[in-house]
N, C-alpha and C. Protein backbone atom coordinates (compact mmCIF):
# COMPACT_ATOMS: atom_id res chain seq x y z
N MET A 1 -31.40 111.63 58.71
CA MET A 1 -30.44 111.37 57.66
C MET A 1 -29.94 109.95 57.83
N ARG A 2 -29.75 109.22 56.69
CA ARG A 2 -29.27 107.85 56.74
C ARG A 2 -28.26 107.61 55.64
N ALA A 3 -27.45 106.59 55.84
CA ALA A 3 -26.45 106.25 54.83
C ALA A 3 -27.14 105.48 53.71
N GLY A 4 -26.50 105.35 52.57
CA GLY A 4 -27.06 104.60 51.46
C GLY A 4 -27.53 105.54 50.38
N PRO A 5 -28.81 105.42 49.98
CA PRO A 5 -29.31 106.27 48.91
C PRO A 5 -29.22 107.75 49.27
N ILE A 6 -29.25 108.55 48.27
CA ILE A 6 -29.17 110.00 48.46
C ILE A 6 -30.36 110.46 49.29
N THR A 7 -30.11 111.21 50.34
CA THR A 7 -31.19 111.72 51.17
C THR A 7 -31.17 113.24 51.15
N VAL A 8 -32.30 113.80 51.41
CA VAL A 8 -32.41 115.26 51.43
C VAL A 8 -32.84 115.67 52.84
N HIS A 9 -32.13 116.66 53.39
CA HIS A 9 -32.42 117.14 54.72
C HIS A 9 -32.62 118.65 54.64
N ASP A 10 -33.76 119.13 55.06
CA ASP A 10 -34.09 120.56 55.00
C ASP A 10 -33.99 121.11 53.59
N GLY A 11 -34.36 120.28 52.60
CA GLY A 11 -34.37 120.76 51.22
C GLY A 11 -33.03 120.79 50.55
N ARG A 12 -31.96 120.33 51.22
CA ARG A 12 -30.63 120.34 50.61
C ARG A 12 -30.14 118.91 50.39
N ASP A 13 -29.35 118.73 49.38
CA ASP A 13 -28.75 117.44 49.09
C ASP A 13 -27.70 117.14 50.15
N THR A 14 -27.80 116.01 50.82
CA THR A 14 -26.86 115.70 51.90
C THR A 14 -25.54 115.16 51.39
N LEU A 15 -25.41 114.95 50.07
CA LEU A 15 -24.13 114.48 49.55
C LEU A 15 -23.02 115.51 49.77
N GLU A 16 -23.39 116.76 49.95
CA GLU A 16 -22.36 117.77 50.17
C GLU A 16 -21.62 117.56 51.49
N ARG A 17 -22.19 116.74 52.38
CA ARG A 17 -21.58 116.52 53.69
C ARG A 17 -20.80 115.22 53.79
N VAL A 18 -20.85 114.39 52.77
CA VAL A 18 -20.17 113.11 52.85
C VAL A 18 -18.75 113.21 52.31
N GLY A 19 -17.92 112.27 52.73
CA GLY A 19 -16.54 112.26 52.27
C GLY A 19 -16.41 111.68 50.87
N GLU A 20 -15.20 111.74 50.34
CA GLU A 20 -14.94 111.27 48.98
C GLU A 20 -15.21 109.77 48.85
N ASP A 21 -14.85 108.99 49.86
CA ASP A 21 -15.09 107.55 49.82
C ASP A 21 -16.59 107.24 49.79
N ASP A 22 -17.37 108.02 50.51
CA ASP A 22 -18.82 107.82 50.50
C ASP A 22 -19.43 108.16 49.15
N LEU A 23 -18.92 109.20 48.50
CA LEU A 23 -19.41 109.56 47.17
C LEU A 23 -19.11 108.44 46.18
N ILE A 24 -17.94 107.83 46.32
CA ILE A 24 -17.57 106.72 45.44
C ILE A 24 -18.53 105.55 45.67
N SER A 25 -18.86 105.28 46.92
CA SER A 25 -19.79 104.20 47.23
C SER A 25 -21.16 104.45 46.62
N VAL A 26 -21.63 105.69 46.69
CA VAL A 26 -22.93 106.04 46.10
C VAL A 26 -22.87 105.84 44.59
N SER A 27 -21.79 106.29 43.95
CA SER A 27 -21.65 106.13 42.50
C SER A 27 -21.56 104.65 42.13
N GLU A 28 -20.82 103.89 42.91
CA GLU A 28 -20.67 102.46 42.64
C GLU A 28 -22.02 101.74 42.77
N ALA A 29 -22.79 102.08 43.78
CA ALA A 29 -24.09 101.45 43.97
C ALA A 29 -25.03 101.80 42.82
N ALA A 30 -25.00 103.04 42.36
CA ALA A 30 -25.85 103.45 41.24
C ALA A 30 -25.44 102.72 39.96
N TYR A 31 -24.14 102.57 39.73
CA TYR A 31 -23.63 101.87 38.56
C TYR A 31 -24.04 100.40 38.60
N LEU A 32 -23.90 99.76 39.76
CA LEU A 32 -24.28 98.36 39.92
C LEU A 32 -25.78 98.18 39.68
N GLN A 33 -26.58 99.05 40.22
CA GLN A 33 -28.03 98.96 40.03
C GLN A 33 -28.40 99.09 38.56
N ALA A 34 -27.77 100.03 37.86
CA ALA A 34 -28.04 100.21 36.43
C ALA A 34 -27.62 98.97 35.64
N ALA A 35 -26.48 98.38 36.00
CA ALA A 35 -26.01 97.18 35.31
C ALA A 35 -26.96 96.01 35.54
N LEU A 36 -27.48 95.86 36.75
CA LEU A 36 -28.42 94.79 37.04
C LEU A 36 -29.72 94.96 36.26
N VAL A 37 -30.18 96.19 36.14
CA VAL A 37 -31.40 96.45 35.38
C VAL A 37 -31.18 96.12 33.91
N ARG A 38 -30.03 96.55 33.35
CA ARG A 38 -29.72 96.23 31.95
C ARG A 38 -29.66 94.72 31.74
N HIS A 39 -29.03 94.01 32.66
CA HIS A 39 -28.91 92.56 32.55
C HIS A 39 -30.30 91.89 32.57
N ARG A 40 -31.16 92.32 33.48
CA ARG A 40 -32.50 91.75 33.57
C ARG A 40 -33.29 92.01 32.30
N LEU A 41 -33.22 93.24 31.77
CA LEU A 41 -33.95 93.56 30.55
C LEU A 41 -33.44 92.74 29.37
N ARG A 42 -32.11 92.58 29.29
CA ARG A 42 -31.55 91.80 28.19
C ARG A 42 -31.96 90.34 28.30
N ALA A 43 -31.98 89.80 29.51
CA ALA A 43 -32.40 88.41 29.70
C ALA A 43 -33.86 88.24 29.28
N GLU A 44 -34.70 89.20 29.61
CA GLU A 44 -36.11 89.13 29.21
C GLU A 44 -36.26 89.21 27.69
N GLN A 45 -35.48 90.08 27.06
CA GLN A 45 -35.54 90.21 25.61
C GLN A 45 -35.04 88.93 24.93
N ASP A 46 -33.96 88.34 25.45
CA ASP A 46 -33.43 87.11 24.87
C ASP A 46 -34.43 85.98 25.00
N ALA A 47 -35.07 85.88 26.16
CA ALA A 47 -36.06 84.82 26.37
C ALA A 47 -37.23 84.99 25.41
N GLN A 48 -37.64 86.23 25.21
CA GLN A 48 -38.75 86.50 24.30
C GLN A 48 -38.34 86.20 22.86
N ALA A 49 -37.12 86.58 22.49
CA ALA A 49 -36.65 86.37 21.12
C ALA A 49 -36.50 84.89 20.79
N LEU A 50 -36.11 84.11 21.78
CA LEU A 50 -35.92 82.68 21.54
C LEU A 50 -37.21 81.90 21.66
N SER A 51 -38.30 82.56 22.00
CA SER A 51 -39.60 81.92 22.15
C SER A 51 -39.51 80.70 23.05
N LEU A 52 -39.14 80.94 24.27
CA LEU A 52 -38.98 79.85 25.21
C LEU A 52 -40.31 79.24 25.63
N VAL A 53 -41.40 79.90 25.28
CA VAL A 53 -42.71 79.33 25.56
C VAL A 53 -42.95 78.24 24.53
N ARG A 54 -43.13 77.03 24.99
CA ARG A 54 -43.29 75.89 24.09
C ARG A 54 -44.67 75.90 23.43
N ALA A 55 -44.67 75.40 22.21
CA ALA A 55 -45.93 75.25 21.49
C ALA A 55 -46.73 74.12 22.14
N PRO A 56 -48.05 74.20 22.08
CA PRO A 56 -48.87 73.13 22.66
C PRO A 56 -48.60 71.81 21.95
N LEU A 57 -48.90 70.70 22.63
CA LEU A 57 -48.71 69.38 22.03
C LEU A 57 -49.49 69.28 20.72
N GLY A 58 -48.85 68.67 19.74
CA GLY A 58 -49.51 68.51 18.44
C GLY A 58 -49.35 69.71 17.53
N THR A 59 -48.50 70.67 17.92
CA THR A 59 -48.25 71.86 17.12
C THR A 59 -46.76 71.98 16.85
N CYS A 60 -46.39 72.17 15.61
CA CYS A 60 -44.98 72.31 15.24
C CYS A 60 -44.41 73.58 15.87
N ALA A 61 -43.23 73.47 16.47
CA ALA A 61 -42.60 74.62 17.14
C ALA A 61 -42.07 75.64 16.15
N ASN A 62 -42.02 75.29 14.86
CA ASN A 62 -41.49 76.21 13.87
C ASN A 62 -42.59 76.88 13.05
N CYS A 63 -43.48 76.06 12.48
CA CYS A 63 -44.47 76.63 11.55
C CYS A 63 -45.89 76.63 12.08
N ASP A 64 -46.09 76.13 13.29
CA ASP A 64 -47.41 76.08 13.93
C ASP A 64 -48.42 75.19 13.22
N ASP A 65 -47.97 74.32 12.31
CA ASP A 65 -48.87 73.34 11.69
C ASP A 65 -49.13 72.20 12.67
N ARG A 66 -50.19 71.45 12.40
CA ARG A 66 -50.48 70.28 13.24
C ARG A 66 -49.46 69.19 12.94
N CYS A 67 -49.07 68.49 14.00
CA CYS A 67 -48.14 67.38 13.84
C CYS A 67 -48.45 66.33 14.91
N ASP A 68 -47.67 65.26 14.90
CA ASP A 68 -47.84 64.19 15.88
C ASP A 68 -47.65 64.77 17.29
N PRO A 69 -48.54 64.47 18.23
CA PRO A 69 -48.42 65.03 19.58
C PRO A 69 -47.11 64.69 20.28
N ALA A 70 -46.46 63.60 19.89
CA ALA A 70 -45.19 63.23 20.52
C ALA A 70 -44.01 63.97 19.89
N ALA A 71 -44.21 64.61 18.74
CA ALA A 71 -43.12 65.29 18.03
C ALA A 71 -43.18 66.79 18.30
N ARG A 72 -42.03 67.42 18.23
CA ARG A 72 -41.97 68.86 18.42
C ARG A 72 -42.05 69.60 17.08
N TYR A 73 -41.63 68.91 16.02
CA TYR A 73 -41.62 69.50 14.68
C TYR A 73 -42.40 68.59 13.74
N CYS A 74 -42.97 69.18 12.68
CA CYS A 74 -43.76 68.37 11.75
C CYS A 74 -42.87 67.58 10.79
N ASP A 75 -41.66 68.07 10.51
CA ASP A 75 -40.72 67.33 9.66
C ASP A 75 -39.29 67.80 9.93
N PRO A 76 -38.30 67.10 9.41
CA PRO A 76 -36.89 67.47 9.65
C PRO A 76 -36.52 68.86 9.12
N ASP A 77 -37.19 69.29 8.04
CA ASP A 77 -36.90 70.63 7.50
C ASP A 77 -37.28 71.72 8.50
N CYS A 78 -38.42 71.57 9.14
CA CYS A 78 -38.84 72.55 10.15
C CYS A 78 -37.86 72.56 11.32
N GLN A 79 -37.39 71.39 11.70
CA GLN A 79 -36.44 71.31 12.80
C GLN A 79 -35.15 72.03 12.45
N SER A 80 -34.62 71.83 11.24
CA SER A 80 -33.37 72.51 10.86
C SER A 80 -33.59 74.02 10.68
N ASP A 81 -34.75 74.42 10.12
CA ASP A 81 -35.05 75.86 9.99
C ASP A 81 -35.10 76.53 11.36
N HIS A 82 -35.74 75.88 12.32
CA HIS A 82 -35.85 76.44 13.66
C HIS A 82 -34.47 76.55 14.32
N ALA A 83 -33.65 75.52 14.16
CA ALA A 83 -32.30 75.53 14.73
C ALA A 83 -31.47 76.66 14.14
N GLN A 84 -31.58 76.88 12.83
CA GLN A 84 -30.84 77.97 12.19
C GLN A 84 -31.31 79.33 12.69
N ARG A 85 -32.63 79.51 12.83
CA ARG A 85 -33.16 80.79 13.30
C ARG A 85 -32.72 81.06 14.73
N VAL A 86 -32.77 80.06 15.60
CA VAL A 86 -32.34 80.24 16.98
C VAL A 86 -30.86 80.57 17.02
N GLY A 87 -30.07 79.94 16.16
CA GLY A 87 -28.64 80.25 16.09
C GLY A 87 -28.38 81.68 15.66
N ARG A 88 -29.15 82.16 14.69
CA ARG A 88 -28.98 83.55 14.24
C ARG A 88 -29.36 84.53 15.34
N LEU A 89 -30.46 84.25 16.05
CA LEU A 89 -30.88 85.13 17.14
C LEU A 89 -29.85 85.15 18.26
N SER A 90 -29.29 83.98 18.55
CA SER A 90 -28.28 83.90 19.60
C SER A 90 -27.04 84.70 19.18
N HIS A 91 -26.64 84.55 17.92
CA HIS A 91 -25.48 85.29 17.42
C HIS A 91 -25.74 86.80 17.45
N ALA A 92 -26.94 87.21 17.06
CA ALA A 92 -27.28 88.64 17.06
C ALA A 92 -27.26 89.20 18.47
N SER A 93 -27.73 88.42 19.46
CA SER A 93 -27.73 88.94 20.83
C SER A 93 -26.31 89.03 21.37
N ASN A 94 -25.41 88.15 20.92
CA ASN A 94 -24.02 88.26 21.34
C ASN A 94 -23.36 89.49 20.74
N LEU A 95 -23.77 89.90 19.57
CA LEU A 95 -23.20 91.09 18.94
C LEU A 95 -23.63 92.36 19.66
N ARG A 96 -24.82 92.34 20.33
CA ARG A 96 -25.31 93.52 21.03
C ARG A 96 -24.54 93.78 22.32
N ALA A 97 -23.90 92.76 22.83
CA ALA A 97 -23.23 92.89 24.14
C ALA A 97 -22.08 93.85 24.09
């Protein structure tokens, strides 16, 4: 038998032998773990939604048309459209919190 995660000894749950403070610690650890998993998943979803993977050189980051290799967008309209879309996605992710 060990402290920390729930252990089973002789087929029985060993939580029946721990004190109230230990049960609180187990619950707190489970809550923290669940919160960390939710945070990681949300960060992955936000990164995917914002398309953090850059377009290859010579490709517009908004419409995927060919453009000057030194430019990220093919024209100012694409740049403003992309900025508006990223702003909407950021606002939507803040509403989910």
